[in-house]
Amino acid sequence: MNPIINAGIAQRYRRRSRDPVKLTALIYLRECLILEKYEDCPEIIAIALEFGALSEEIRVLLEDSRRHPSS
């Protein structure tokens, strides 16, 4: 087996792994946004980032169109 290919597969797997703390922080962030508890959001975002959340994951939650009903 080619060690270079195997290293790429292992690295890709690690990148996709999901930290339970990160997932919990993202769920809490979504709940805070729905309940409009905006004062808790910066702390939750910091925790999510610390445990591996991507900026894209946080941005999607912040820009969720369901929280902004159309006029």
PDB file of N, CA and C in Angstrom:
ATOM      1  N   MET A   1       0.838  -1.190   0.000  1.00  0.00           N
ATOM      2  CA  MET A   1       0.000   0.000   0.000  1.00  0.00           C
ATOM      3  C   MET A   1       0.876   1.244   0.000  1.00  0.00           C
ATOM      4  N   ASN A   2       0.384   2.245  -0.650  1.00  0.00           N
ATOM      5  CA  ASN A   2       1.123   3.495  -0.772  1.00  0.00           C
ATOM      6  C   ASN A   2       0.927   4.332   0.502  1.00  0.00           C
ATOM      7  N   PRO A   3       2.003   4.636   1.260  1.00  0.00           N
ATOM      8  CA  PRO A   3       1.848   5.391   2.509  1.00  0.00           C
ATOM      9  C   PRO A   3       1.364   6.820   2.284  1.00  0.00           C
ATOM     10  N   ILE A   4       1.626   7.379   1.126  1.00  0.00           N
ATOM     11  CA  ILE A   4       1.172   8.748   0.858  1.00  0.00           C
ATOM     12  C   ILE A   4      -0.344   8.786   0.735  1.00  0.00           C
ATOM     13  N   ILE A   5      -0.921   7.827   0.048  1.00  0.00           N
ATOM     14  CA  ILE A   5      -2.379   7.775  -0.096  1.00  0.00           C
ATOM     15  C   ILE A   5      -3.027   7.520   1.250  1.00  0.00           C
ATOM     16  N   ASN A   6      -2.471   6.586   2.025  1.00  0.00           N
ATOM     17  CA  ASN A   6      -3.038   6.283   3.336  1.00  0.00           C
ATOM     18  C   ASN A   6      -2.983   7.485   4.267  1.00  0.00           C
ATOM     19  N   ALA A   7      -1.923   8.268   4.201  1.00  0.00           N
ATOM     20  CA  ALA A   7      -1.811   9.462   5.045  1.00  0.00           C
ATOM     21  C   ALA A   7      -2.897  10.469   4.679  1.00  0.00           C
ATOM     22  N   GLY A   8      -3.197  10.606   3.398  1.00  0.00           N
ATOM     23  CA  GLY A   8      -4.239  11.540   2.971  1.00  0.00           C
ATOM     24  C   GLY A   8      -5.604  11.118   3.452  1.00  0.00           C
ATOM     25  N   ILE A   9      -5.869   9.814   3.423  1.00  0.00           N
ATOM     26  CA  ILE A   9      -7.158   9.305   3.900  1.00  0.00           C
ATOM     27  C   ILE A   9      -7.289   9.541   5.400  1.00  0.00           C
ATOM     28  N   ALA A  10      -6.243   9.275   6.160  1.00  0.00           N
ATOM     29  CA  ALA A  10      -6.285   9.478   7.608  1.00  0.00           C
ATOM     30  C   ALA A  10      -6.469  10.952   7.942  1.00  0.00           C
ATOM     31  N   GLN A  11      -5.809  11.827   7.202  1.00  0.00           N
ATOM     32  CA  GLN A  11      -5.940  13.261   7.463  1.00  0.00           C
ATOM     33  C   GLN A  11      -7.357  13.723   7.146  1.00  0.00           C
ATOM     34  N   ARG A  12      -7.929  13.238   6.048  1.00  0.00           N
ATOM     35  CA  ARG A  12      -9.282  13.613   5.671  1.00  0.00           C
ATOM     36  C   ARG A  12     -10.270  13.141   6.732  1.00  0.00           C
ATOM     37  N   TYR A  13     -10.059  11.930   7.274  1.00  0.00           N
ATOM     38  CA  TYR A  13     -10.931  11.395   8.308  1.00  0.00           C
ATOM     39  C   TYR A  13     -10.872  12.254   9.564  1.00  0.00           C
ATOM     40  N   ARG A  14      -9.671  12.661   9.952  1.00  0.00           N
ATOM     41  CA  ARG A  14      -9.530  13.506  11.142  1.00  0.00           C
ATOM     42  C   ARG A  14     -10.229  14.842  10.954  1.00  0.00           C
ATOM     43  N   ARG A  15     -10.161  15.405   9.744  1.00  0.00           N
ATOM     44  CA  ARG A  15     -10.799  16.688   9.478  1.00  0.00           C
ATOM     45  C   ARG A  15     -12.318  16.590   9.615  1.00  0.00           C
ATOM     46  N   ARG A  16     -12.869  15.438   9.275  1.00  0.00           N
ATOM     47  CA  ARG A  16     -14.317  15.259   9.331  1.00  0.00           C
ATOM     48  C   ARG A  16     -14.806  14.835  10.705  1.00  0.00           C
ATOM     49  N   SER A  17     -13.895  14.470  11.605  1.00  0.00           N
ATOM     50  CA  SER A  17     -14.324  14.008  12.913  1.00  0.00           C
ATOM     51  C   SER A  17     -15.073  15.125  13.630  1.00  0.00           C
ATOM     52  N   ARG A  18     -16.011  14.731  14.432  1.00  0.00           N
ATOM     53  CA  ARG A  18     -16.876  15.707  15.091  1.00  0.00           C
ATOM     54  C   ARG A  18     -16.642  15.662  16.607  1.00  0.00           C
ATOM     55  N   ASP A  19     -16.246  16.788  17.147  1.00  0.00           N
ATOM     56  CA  ASP A  19     -16.031  16.905  18.578  1.00  0.00           C
ATOM     57  C   ASP A  19     -17.388  17.136  19.245  1.00  0.00           C
ATOM     58  N   PRO A  20     -17.734  16.360  20.266  1.00  0.00           N
ATOM     59  CA  PRO A  20     -19.038  16.538  20.910  1.00  0.00           C
ATOM     60  C   PRO A  20     -19.215  17.916  21.535  1.00  0.00           C
ATOM     61  N   VAL A  21     -18.139  18.516  22.020  1.00  0.00           N
ATOM     62  CA  VAL A  21     -18.241  19.852  22.616  1.00  0.00           C
ATOM     63  C   VAL A  21     -18.563  20.875  21.523  1.00  0.00           C
ATOM     64  N   LYS A  22     -17.923  20.731  20.362  1.00  0.00           N
ATOM     65  CA  LYS A  22     -18.197  21.640  19.245  1.00  0.00           C
ATOM     66  C   LYS A  22     -19.651  21.531  18.818  1.00  0.00           C
ATOM     67  N   LEU A  23     -20.135  20.316  18.659  1.00  0.00           N
ATOM     68  CA  LEU A  23     -21.520  20.126  18.229  1.00  0.00           C
ATOM     69  C   LEU A  23     -22.499  20.670  19.259  1.00  0.00           C
ATOM     70  N   THR A  24     -22.210  20.453  20.535  1.00  0.00           N
ATOM     71  CA  THR A  24     -23.080  20.966  21.590  1.00  0.00           C
ATOM     72  C   THR A  24     -23.085  22.489  21.585  1.00  0.00           C
ATOM     73  N   ALA A  25     -21.924  23.098  21.399  1.00  0.00           N
ATOM     74  CA  ALA A  25     -21.849  24.566  21.357  1.00  0.00           C
ATOM     75  C   ALA A  25     -22.641  25.108  20.164  1.00  0.00           C
ATOM     76  N   LEU A  26     -22.569  24.438  19.018  1.00  0.00           N
ATOM     77  CA  LEU A  26     -23.332  24.902  17.854  1.00  0.00           C
ATOM     78  C   LEU A  26     -24.832  24.758  18.087  1.00  0.00           C
ATOM     79  N   ILE A  27     -25.237  23.708  18.772  1.00  0.00           N
ATOM     80  CA  ILE A  27     -26.663  23.544  19.104  1.00  0.00           C
ATOM     81  C   ILE A  27     -27.102  24.639  20.068  1.00  0.00           C
ATOM     82  N   TYR A  28     -26.299  24.912  21.081  1.00  0.00           N
ATOM     83  CA  TYR A  28     -26.625  25.982  22.026  1.00  0.00           C
ATOM     84  C   TYR A  28     -26.684  27.337  21.328  1.00  0.00           C
ATOM     85  N   LEU A  29     -25.781  27.554  20.389  1.00  0.00           N
ATOM     86  CA  LEU A  29     -25.799  28.812  19.644  1.00  0.00           C
ATOM     87  C   LEU A  29     -27.102  28.951  18.880  1.00  0.00           C
ATOM     88  N   ARG A  30     -27.502  27.888  18.205  1.00  0.00           N
ATOM     89  CA  ARG A  30     -28.769  27.934  17.465  1.00  0.00           C
ATOM     90  C   ARG A  30     -29.942  28.216  18.398  1.00  0.00           C
ATOM     91  N   GLU A  31     -29.972  27.580  19.563  1.00  0.00           N
ATOM     92  CA  GLU A  31     -31.049  27.806  20.525  1.00  0.00           C
ATOM     93  C   GLU A  31     -31.043  29.234  21.045  1.00  0.00           C
ATOM     94  N   CYS A  32     -29.859  29.782  21.331  1.00  0.00           N
ATOM     95  CA  CYS A  32     -29.771  31.169  21.797  1.00  0.00           C
ATOM     96  C   CYS A  32     -30.281  32.143  20.738  1.00  0.00           C
ATOM     97  N   LEU A  33     -29.973  31.875  19.506  1.00  0.00           N
ATOM     98  CA  LEU A  33     -30.435  32.748  18.427  1.00  0.00           C
ATOM     99  C   LEU A  33     -31.951  32.660  18.272  1.00  0.00           C
ATOM    100  N   ILE A  34     -32.492  31.479  18.372  1.00  0.00           N
ATOM    101  CA  ILE A  34     -33.942  31.312  18.258  1.00  0.00           C
ATOM    102  C   ILE A  34     -34.656  32.004  19.411  1.00  0.00           C
ATOM    103  N   LEU A  35     -34.108  31.867  20.614  1.00  0.00           N
ATOM    104  CA  LEU A  35     -34.714  32.480  21.801  1.00  0.00           C
ATOM    105  C   LEU A  35     -34.334  33.950  21.974  1.00  0.00           C
ATOM    106  N   GLU A  36     -33.517  34.460  21.052  1.00  0.00           N
ATOM    107  CA  GLU A  36     -33.049  35.849  21.060  1.00  0.00           C
ATOM    108  C   GLU A  36     -32.274  36.197  22.329  1.00  0.00           C
ATOM    109  N   LYS A  37     -31.452  35.277  22.800  1.00  0.00           N
ATOM    110  CA  LYS A  37     -30.564  35.509  23.942  1.00  0.00           C
ATOM    111  C   LYS A  37     -29.185  35.853  23.396  1.00  0.00           C
ATOM    112  N   TYR A  38     -29.097  36.994  22.767  1.00  0.00           N
ATOM    113  CA  TYR A  38     -27.889  37.381  22.034  1.00  0.00           C
ATOM    114  C   TYR A  38     -26.684  37.637  22.945  1.00  0.00           C
ATOM    115  N   GLU A  39     -26.914  37.928  24.223  1.00  0.00           N
ATOM    116  CA  GLU A  39     -25.802  38.205  25.124  1.00  0.00           C
ATOM    117  C   GLU A  39     -24.969  36.954  25.399  1.00  0.00           C
ATOM    118  N   ASP A  40     -25.531  35.766  25.194  1.00  0.00           N
ATOM    119  CA  ASP A  40     -24.798  34.517  25.411  1.00  0.00           C
ATOM    120  C   ASP A  40     -24.024  34.067  24.178  1.00  0.00           C
ATOM    121  N   CYS A  41     -24.334  34.617  23.024  1.00  0.00           N
ATOM    122  CA  CYS A  41     -23.753  34.141  21.757  1.00  0.00           C
ATOM    123  C   CYS A  41     -22.233  34.271  21.660  1.00  0.00           C
ATOM    124  N   PRO A  42     -21.620  35.392  22.045  1.00  0.00           N
ATOM    125  CA  PRO A  42     -20.156  35.487  21.891  1.00  0.00           C
ATOM    126  C   PRO A  42     -19.389  34.409  22.654  1.00  0.00           C
ATOM    127  N   GLU A  43     -19.832  34.088  23.847  1.00  0.00           N
ATOM    128  CA  GLU A  43     -19.159  33.065  24.642  1.00  0.00           C
ATOM    129  C   GLU A  43     -19.318  31.686  23.994  1.00  0.00           C
ATOM    130  N   ILE A  44     -20.502  31.394  23.508  1.00  0.00           N
ATOM    131  CA  ILE A  44     -20.753  30.104  22.870  1.00  0.00           C
ATOM    132  C   ILE A  44     -19.962  29.991  21.573  1.00  0.00           C
ATOM    133  N   ILE A  45     -19.877  31.070  20.812  1.00  0.00           N
ATOM    134  CA  ILE A  45     -19.099  31.063  19.575  1.00  0.00           C
ATOM    135  C   ILE A  45     -17.627  30.808  19.884  1.00  0.00           C
ATOM    136  N   ALA A  46     -17.112  31.434  20.944  1.00  0.00           N
ATOM    137  CA  ALA A  46     -15.711  31.233  21.320  1.00  0.00           C
ATOM    138  C   ALA A  46     -15.442  29.772  21.684  1.00  0.00           C
ATOM    139  N   ILE A  47     -16.369  29.152  22.388  1.00  0.00           N
ATOM    140  CA  ILE A  47     -16.206  27.741  22.760  1.00  0.00           C
ATOM    141  C   ILE A  47     -16.234  26.862  21.520  1.00  0.00           C
ATOM    142  N   ALA A  48     -17.173  27.135  20.611  1.00  0.00           N
ATOM    143  CA  ALA A  48     -17.272  26.342  19.386  1.00  0.00           C
ATOM    144  C   ALA A  48     -15.990  26.453  18.563  1.00  0.00           C
ATOM    145  N   LEU A  49     -15.467  27.655  18.443  1.00  0.00           N
ATOM    146  CA  LEU A  49     -14.228  27.848  17.677  1.00  0.00           C
ATOM    147  C   LEU A  49     -13.055  27.141  18.343  1.00  0.00           C
ATOM    148  N   GLU A  50     -13.006  27.196  19.660  1.00  0.00           N
ATOM    149  CA  GLU A  50     -11.920  26.550  20.401  1.00  0.00           C
ATOM    150  C   GLU A  50     -11.900  25.042  20.165  1.00  0.00           C
ATOM    151  N   PHE A  51     -13.074  24.448  19.976  1.00  0.00           N
ATOM    152  CA  PHE A  51     -13.155  23.006  19.792  1.00  0.00           C
ATOM    153  C   PHE A  51     -13.304  22.594  18.334  1.00  0.00           C
ATOM    154  N   GLY A  52     -12.976  23.505  17.411  1.00  0.00           N
ATOM    155  CA  GLY A  52     -12.843  23.101  16.018  1.00  0.00           C
ATOM    156  C   GLY A  52     -13.962  23.483  15.079  1.00  0.00           C
ATOM    157  N   ALA A  53     -14.898  24.312  15.498  1.00  0.00           N
ATOM    158  CA  ALA A  53     -15.952  24.736  14.583  1.00  0.00           C
ATOM    159  C   ALA A  53     -15.353  25.644  13.505  1.00  0.00           C
ATOM    160  N   LEU A  54     -15.842  25.511  12.316  1.00  0.00           N
ATOM    161  CA  LEU A  54     -15.389  26.356  11.215  1.00  0.00           C
ATOM    162  C   LEU A  54     -16.200  27.643  11.172  1.00  0.00           C
ATOM    163  N   SER A  55     -15.601  28.692  10.662  1.00  0.00           N
ATOM    164  CA  SER A  55     -16.305  29.967  10.534  1.00  0.00           C
ATOM    165  C   SER A  55     -17.562  29.804   9.693  1.00  0.00           C
ATOM    166  N   GLU A  56     -17.493  28.939   8.688  1.00  0.00           N
ATOM    167  CA  GLU A  56     -18.641  28.690   7.815  1.00  0.00           C
ATOM    168  C   GLU A  56     -19.815  28.097   8.602  1.00  0.00           C
ATOM    169  N   GLU A  57     -19.533  27.191   9.530  1.00  0.00           N
ATOM    170  CA  GLU A  57     -20.593  26.583  10.340  1.00  0.00           C
ATOM    171  C   GLU A  57     -21.299  27.633  11.196  1.00  0.00           C
ATOM    172  N   ILE A  58     -20.530  28.538  11.763  1.00  0.00           N
ATOM    173  CA  ILE A  58     -21.101  29.591  12.600  1.00  0.00           C
ATOM    174  C   ILE A  58     -21.859  30.601  11.748  1.00  0.00           C
ATOM    175  N   ARG A  59     -21.295  30.953  10.599  1.00  0.00           N
ATOM    176  CA  ARG A  59     -21.949  31.916   9.714  1.00  0.00           C
ATOM    177  C   ARG A  59     -23.308  31.404   9.255  1.00  0.00           C
ATOM    178  N   VAL A  60     -23.405  30.121   8.947  1.00  0.00           N
ATOM    179  CA  VAL A  60     -24.680  29.540   8.507  1.00  0.00           C
ATOM    180  C   VAL A  60     -25.736  29.694   9.597  1.00  0.00           C
ATOM    181  N   LEU A  61     -25.345  29.463  10.843  1.00  0.00           N
ATOM    182  CA  LEU A  61     -26.295  29.625  11.941  1.00  0.00           C
ATOM    183  C   LEU A  61     -26.707  31.086  12.120  1.00  0.00           C
ATOM    184  N   LEU A  62     -25.747  31.996  11.996  1.00  0.00           N
ATOM    185  CA  LEU A  62     -26.054  33.410  12.188  1.00  0.00           C
ATOM    186  C   LEU A  62     -26.922  33.970  11.071  1.00  0.00           C
ATOM    187  N   GLU A  63     -26.785  33.425   9.865  1.00  0.00           N
ATOM    188  CA  GLU A  63     -27.539  33.934   8.726  1.00  0.00           C
ATOM    189  C   GLU A  63     -28.759  33.090   8.395  1.00  0.00           C
ATOM    190  N   ASP A  64     -29.242  32.299   9.321  1.00  0.00           N
ATOM    191  CA  ASP A  64     -30.389  31.425   9.089  1.00  0.00           C
ATOM    192  C   ASP A  64     -31.617  32.263   8.739  1.00  0.00           C
ATOM    193  N   SER A  65     -32.167  32.048   7.565  1.00  0.00           N
ATOM    194  CA  SER A  65     -33.288  32.848   7.085  1.00  0.00           C
ATOM    195  C   SER A  65     -34.570  32.587   7.872  1.00  0.00           C
ATOM    196  N   ARG A  66     -34.659  31.475   8.560  1.00  0.00           N
ATOM    197  CA  ARG A  66     -35.860  31.181   9.359  1.00  0.00           C
ATOM    198  C   ARG A  66     -36.002  32.146  10.529  1.00  0.00           C
ATOM    199  N   ARG A  67     -34.912  32.756  10.955  1.00  0.00           N
ATOM    200  CA  ARG A  67     -34.999  33.723  12.056  1.00  0.00           C
ATOM    201  C   ARG A  67     -35.415  35.105  11.578  1.00  0.00           C
ATOM    202  N   HIS A  68     -35.395  35.327  10.278  1.00  0.00           N
ATOM    203  CA  HIS A  68     -35.743  36.636   9.716  1.00  0.00           C
ATOM    204  C   HIS A  68     -36.941  36.473   8.788  1.00  0.00           C
ATOM    205  N   PRO A  69     -38.136  36.506   9.341  1.00  0.00           N
ATOM    206  CA  PRO A  69     -39.309  36.311   8.477  1.00  0.00           C
ATOM    207  C   PRO A  69     -39.421  37.427   7.445  1.00  0.00           C
ATOM    208  N   SER A  70     -39.863  37.052   6.277  1.00  0.00           N
ATOM    209  CA  SER A  70     -39.995  38.054   5.208  1.00  0.00           C
ATOM    210  C   SER A  70     -41.151  38.990   5.499  1.00  0.00           C
ATOM    211  N   SER A  71     -41.020  40.227   5.078  1.00  0.00           N
ATOM    212  CA  SER A  71     -42.050  41.236   5.354  1.00  0.00           C
ATOM    213  C   SER A  71     -43.158  41.169   4.329  1.00  0.00           C
TER     214      SER A  71
END
